N, C-alpha and C. Protein backbone atom coordinates (compact mmCIF):
# COMPACT_ATOMS: atom_id res chain seq x y z
N UNK A 1 6.14 -0.95 -22.51
CA UNK A 1 7.55 -0.44 -22.12
C UNK A 1 7.78 0.05 -20.68
N UNK A 2 6.89 0.74 -20.44
CA UNK A 2 6.84 1.08 -18.88
C UNK A 2 6.91 -0.05 -17.84
N UNK A 3 6.31 -1.04 -18.06
CA UNK A 3 6.25 -2.16 -17.40
C UNK A 3 7.55 -2.61 -17.26
N UNK A 4 8.22 -3.04 -18.30
CA UNK A 4 9.54 -3.58 -18.69
C UNK A 4 10.37 -2.91 -17.89
N UNK A 5 10.50 -1.43 -17.72
CA UNK A 5 11.31 -0.68 -17.12
C UNK A 5 11.15 -0.70 -15.76
N UNK A 6 9.76 -0.79 -15.28
CA UNK A 6 9.60 -1.25 -13.71
C UNK A 6 10.35 -2.24 -13.19
N UNK A 7 9.83 -3.38 -14.16
CA UNK A 7 10.24 -4.70 -13.84
C UNK A 7 11.93 -4.76 -13.74
N UNK A 8 12.54 -4.01 -14.64
CA UNK A 8 13.98 -4.06 -14.51
C UNK A 8 14.49 -3.22 -12.97
N UNK A 9 13.78 -2.05 -12.98
CA UNK A 9 14.30 -1.40 -11.80
C UNK A 9 13.98 -2.21 -10.45
N UNK A 10 13.09 -2.90 -10.21
CA UNK A 10 12.87 -3.74 -9.35
C UNK A 10 13.51 -5.08 -9.22
N UNK A 11 13.89 -5.40 -10.29
CA UNK A 11 14.97 -6.86 -10.26
C UNK A 11 16.42 -6.19 -9.77
N UNK A 12 16.69 -5.02 -10.13
CA UNK A 12 17.69 -4.04 -9.80
C UNK A 12 17.73 -3.87 -8.08
N UNK A 13 16.53 -3.72 -7.46
CA UNK A 13 16.63 -3.50 -6.06
C UNK A 13 16.37 -4.90 -5.25
N UNK A 14 16.28 -5.85 -5.97
CA UNK A 14 15.86 -7.19 -5.20
C UNK A 14 16.90 -7.60 -4.34
N UNK A 15 18.60 -7.39 -4.70
CA UNK A 15 19.38 -7.94 -3.75
C UNK A 15 19.58 -7.36 -2.87
N UNK A 16 19.52 -5.91 -2.91
CA UNK A 16 19.55 -4.93 -1.68
C UNK A 16 18.29 -5.36 -0.66
N UNK A 17 17.50 -5.22 -1.17
CA UNK A 17 16.20 -5.56 -0.33
C UNK A 17 16.12 -6.85 0.31
N UNK A 18 16.64 -7.97 -0.37
CA UNK A 18 16.84 -9.17 0.36
C UNK A 18 17.97 -9.44 1.71
N UNK A 19 19.06 -8.34 0.98
CA UNK A 19 20.05 -8.04 2.17
C UNK A 19 19.64 -7.35 3.42
N UNK A 20 18.53 -6.59 3.34
CA UNK A 20 18.03 -5.62 4.33
C UNK A 20 16.92 -6.55 5.38
N UNK A 21 16.22 -7.35 4.44
CA UNK A 21 15.36 -8.11 5.20
C UNK A 21 16.18 -9.41 5.78
N UNK A 22 17.09 -9.82 5.40
CA UNK A 22 18.00 -10.76 6.17
C UNK A 22 18.66 -10.32 7.45
N UNK A 23 18.96 -8.95 7.28
CA UNK A 23 19.45 -8.18 8.42
C UNK A 23 18.52 -7.80 9.53
N UNK A 24 17.35 -7.61 9.03
CA UNK A 24 16.22 -7.27 9.90
C UNK A 24 15.94 -8.77 10.56
N UNK A 25 15.86 -9.81 9.91
CA UNK A 25 15.14 -10.93 10.58
C UNK A 25 16.66 -11.34 11.58
N UNK A 26 17.69 -10.99 11.23
CA UNK A 26 18.76 -11.43 12.46
C UNK A 26 18.45 -10.60 13.65
N UNK A 27 18.26 -9.33 13.45
CA UNK A 27 18.08 -8.58 14.79
C UNK A 27 16.97 -8.76 15.49
N UNK A 28 15.58 -9.52 14.65
CA UNK A 28 14.45 -9.87 15.21
C UNK A 28 14.90 -11.10 16.09
N UNK A 29 15.37 -12.01 15.40
CA UNK A 29 15.76 -13.04 16.32
C UNK A 29 16.87 -12.80 17.48
N UNK A 30 17.72 -11.98 17.44
CA UNK A 30 18.60 -11.54 18.43
C UNK A 30 17.52 -11.14 19.75
N UNK A 31 16.62 -10.02 19.26
CA UNK A 31 16.01 -9.59 20.09
C UNK A 31 15.04 -10.50 20.91
N UNK A 32 14.31 -11.60 20.31
CA UNK A 32 13.69 -12.53 20.60
C UNK A 32 14.38 -13.20 21.84
N UNK A 33 15.68 -13.65 21.39
CA UNK A 33 16.65 -14.21 22.33
C UNK A 33 17.08 -13.50 23.68
N UNK A 34 17.18 -12.26 23.36
CA UNK A 34 17.43 -11.31 24.73
C UNK A 34 16.46 -11.24 25.52
N UNK A 35 15.19 -11.19 24.60
CA UNK A 35 13.89 -10.89 25.36
C UNK A 35 13.66 -12.16 26.37
N UNK A 36 13.95 -13.47 25.67
CA UNK A 36 13.86 -14.60 26.57
C UNK A 36 14.67 -14.74 27.84
N UNK A 37 16.02 -14.56 27.76
CA UNK A 37 16.87 -14.44 28.51
C UNK A 37 16.50 -13.37 29.68
N UNK A 38 16.11 -12.56 29.18
CA UNK A 38 15.70 -11.32 30.54
C UNK A 38 14.40 -11.86 30.92
N UNK A 39 13.57 -12.41 30.43
CA UNK A 39 12.38 -13.11 31.13
C UNK A 39 12.91 -14.37 32.22
N UNK A 40 13.91 -14.96 31.73
CA UNK A 40 14.52 -16.07 32.46
C UNK A 40 15.13 -15.26 33.68
N UNK A 41 16.09 -14.51 33.68
CA UNK A 41 16.36 -13.85 34.91
C UNK A 41 15.82 -12.97 35.54
N UNK A 42 14.48 -12.57 34.84
CA UNK A 42 13.81 -12.08 35.98
C UNK A 42 12.88 -12.84 36.84
N UNK A 43 12.41 -14.15 36.13
CA UNK A 43 12.06 -15.64 37.02
C UNK A 43 12.96 -15.78 38.08
N UNK A 44 14.12 -15.78 37.78
CA UNK A 44 15.12 -16.62 38.72
C UNK A 44 15.36 -15.40 39.85
N UNK A 45 15.27 -14.14 39.56
CA UNK A 45 15.35 -12.96 40.68
C UNK A 45 14.14 -13.25 41.71
N UNK A 46 12.89 -13.36 40.62
CA UNK A 46 11.49 -13.61 41.36
C UNK A 46 11.62 -14.72 42.58
N UNK A 47 11.91 -15.65 42.07
CA UNK A 47 12.04 -17.07 42.53
C UNK A 47 12.92 -16.70 43.81
N UNK A 48 14.09 -16.23 43.94
CA UNK A 48 14.97 -15.80 45.17
C UNK A 48 14.10 -14.78 46.05
N UNK A 49 13.57 -13.62 45.47
CA UNK A 49 12.76 -13.13 46.53
C UNK A 49 11.85 -13.72 47.18
N UNK A 50 11.00 -14.56 46.52
CA UNK A 50 9.96 -15.57 47.18
C UNK A 50 10.67 -16.48 48.00
N UNK A 51 11.61 -17.05 47.84
CA UNK A 51 12.45 -17.97 48.85
C UNK A 51 12.83 -17.22 50.11
N UNK A 52 13.17 -15.96 49.81
CA UNK A 52 13.87 -15.27 50.98
C UNK A 52 12.49 -14.49 51.86
N UNK A 53 11.51 -14.33 51.28
CA UNK A 53 10.25 -13.97 52.13
C UNK A 53 9.79 -15.20 52.79
N UNK A 54 9.73 -16.24 52.36
CA UNK A 54 8.98 -17.22 52.69
C UNK A 54 10.02 -17.67 54.07
N UNK A 55 11.29 -17.62 54.07
CA UNK A 55 12.10 -18.07 54.90
C UNK A 55 11.94 -17.13 56.34
N UNK A 56 11.77 -15.59 55.83
CA UNK A 56 11.37 -14.67 56.91
C UNK A 56 10.23 -14.93 57.80
N UNK A 57 9.23 -15.73 57.20
CA UNK A 57 8.07 -15.89 58.01
C UNK A 57 8.15 -17.03 58.93
């Protein structure tokens, strides 16, 4: 009987857990995108700095 109660409890929690997982997955994707954009921006700034220092020589 205890196992059935535990199973019912877990089944009750599943929709909320799935919603939280979905939210966390979206946040993770957003973070990956932002990190990629930040690295791309750093590369562009680095390239401009290299080009400027090359021109000065």
